[in-house]
Structure formats: structure tokens, C-alpha cells
């Protein structure tokens, strides 16, 4: 992982179902400053699609969003505003 993708905060939403992964991720993003990166970990399939779309709609940059295992995934988001 490059230094510009190194997360300053991580949120583990494994075991949670929508809308809670998004709620926790959005709450964590509010605590970051512009340019910082949030890592979101989870295992609820629909959230892997919904969280990046929601952050994109909010004007943030998705650096990485992909499966890391059979059901688990990781999303890296850089705060832009």
C-alpha cells in the first residue's frame, strides 16, 4: 500500500448489515480532515457497492474497493471535502 493510501482511520463493520456499515463509515469520515484516508472493512455484500457509491455522491475519492476474501472486502476512501 502506498503512503498516500495509508489509512488514518479504520472502521470494521464485519457482521453488520445495511445501513449500518454506511452509517459507521460516514460517521468516521466526518472525523477526518481533507486528504486523509479511511479504511472500511466489511462482509455484507451489498455494502461493497453501496458505500463507494455513497461516498462518490458525497464528493469523496474511492482509492480501492474490492473483495479481500470469500465474503470480506476493503474500501479505502480519501476525504476531498
Protein backbone atom coordinates (compact mmCIF):
# COMPACT_ATOMS: atom_id res chain seq x y z
CA UNK A 1 0.00 0.00 0.00
CA UNK A 2 1.45 3.37 -1.00
CA UNK A 3 1.83 6.08 1.62
CA UNK A 4 -0.92 8.17 0.01
CA UNK A 5 -3.27 5.22 0.52
CA UNK A 6 -2.23 4.59 4.13
CA UNK A 7 -5.42 4.93 6.20
CA UNK A 8 -5.51 7.36 9.10
CA UNK A 9 -8.68 5.72 10.45
CA UNK A 10 -10.20 2.27 10.11
CA UNK A 11 -13.79 1.13 10.64
CA UNK A 12 -14.57 -2.58 10.98
CA UNK A 13 -18.18 -3.26 10.01
CA UNK A 14 -17.88 -7.04 9.71
CA UNK A 15 -21.02 -8.72 10.99
CA UNK A 16 -23.20 -5.68 10.31
CA UNK A 17 -25.81 -5.31 7.58
CA UNK A 18 -27.02 -2.23 5.69
CA UNK A 19 -27.46 0.52 6.51
CA UNK A 20 -25.07 0.21 9.47
CA UNK A 21 -21.78 -0.19 7.53
CA UNK A 22 -22.55 3.04 5.68
CA UNK A 23 -23.66 4.86 8.85
CA UNK A 24 -20.43 3.93 10.67
CA UNK A 25 -18.26 4.77 7.65
CA UNK A 26 -19.89 8.17 7.15
CA UNK A 27 -19.55 8.99 10.84
CA UNK A 28 -15.84 8.06 10.77
CA UNK A 29 -15.27 10.14 7.62
CA UNK A 30 -16.61 13.25 9.39
CA UNK A 31 -13.73 12.98 11.89
CA UNK A 32 -11.05 13.09 9.17
CA UNK A 33 -9.52 16.16 7.58
CA UNK A 34 -9.26 16.74 3.83
CA UNK A 35 -6.65 14.45 2.28
CA UNK A 36 -6.86 11.75 4.95
CA UNK A 37 -7.84 8.19 4.11
CA UNK A 38 -10.50 5.99 5.70
CA UNK A 39 -10.37 2.19 5.56
CA UNK A 40 -13.70 0.38 5.78
CA UNK A 41 -13.72 -3.38 6.34
CA UNK A 42 -16.86 -5.47 5.98
CA UNK A 43 -18.56 -8.65 4.91
CA UNK A 44 -22.06 -7.54 3.88
CA UNK A 45 -22.07 -7.90 0.08
CA UNK A 46 -24.37 -5.02 -0.89
CA UNK A 47 -22.29 -2.54 1.15
CA UNK A 48 -19.27 -3.13 -1.12
CA UNK A 49 -21.29 -1.48 -3.90
CA UNK A 50 -23.31 1.00 -1.84
CA UNK A 51 -20.57 2.55 0.30
CA UNK A 52 -18.32 3.58 -2.62
CA UNK A 53 -21.32 4.96 -4.50
CA UNK A 54 -22.48 6.95 -1.46
CA UNK A 55 -19.00 8.38 -0.84
CA UNK A 56 -18.64 9.27 -4.53
CA UNK A 57 -22.01 11.03 -4.38
CA UNK A 58 -20.67 12.95 -1.35
CA UNK A 59 -17.62 14.10 -3.36
CA UNK A 60 -15.02 11.76 -1.83
CA UNK A 61 -12.45 9.70 -3.80
CA UNK A 62 -12.53 5.91 -3.79
CA UNK A 63 -8.94 4.65 -3.84
CA UNK A 64 -9.71 0.96 -3.53
CA UNK A 65 -12.84 -1.18 -3.23
CA UNK A 66 -12.57 -4.92 -3.62
CA UNK A 67 -13.02 -8.30 -2.05
CA UNK A 68 -10.25 -9.48 0.26
CA UNK A 69 -11.65 -12.95 0.87
CA UNK A 70 -14.64 -15.12 0.12
CA UNK A 71 -17.09 -12.64 1.67
CA UNK A 72 -14.91 -9.93 3.20
CA UNK A 73 -13.98 -6.68 1.48
CA UNK A 74 -11.98 -3.49 1.98
CA UNK A 75 -12.69 0.04 0.83
CA UNK A 76 -10.22 2.96 1.00
CA UNK A 77 -11.68 6.44 0.68
CA UNK A 78 -9.83 9.76 0.59
CA UNK A 79 -11.66 12.75 2.05
CA UNK A 80 -11.86 15.51 -0.57
CA UNK A 81 -14.14 17.99 1.14
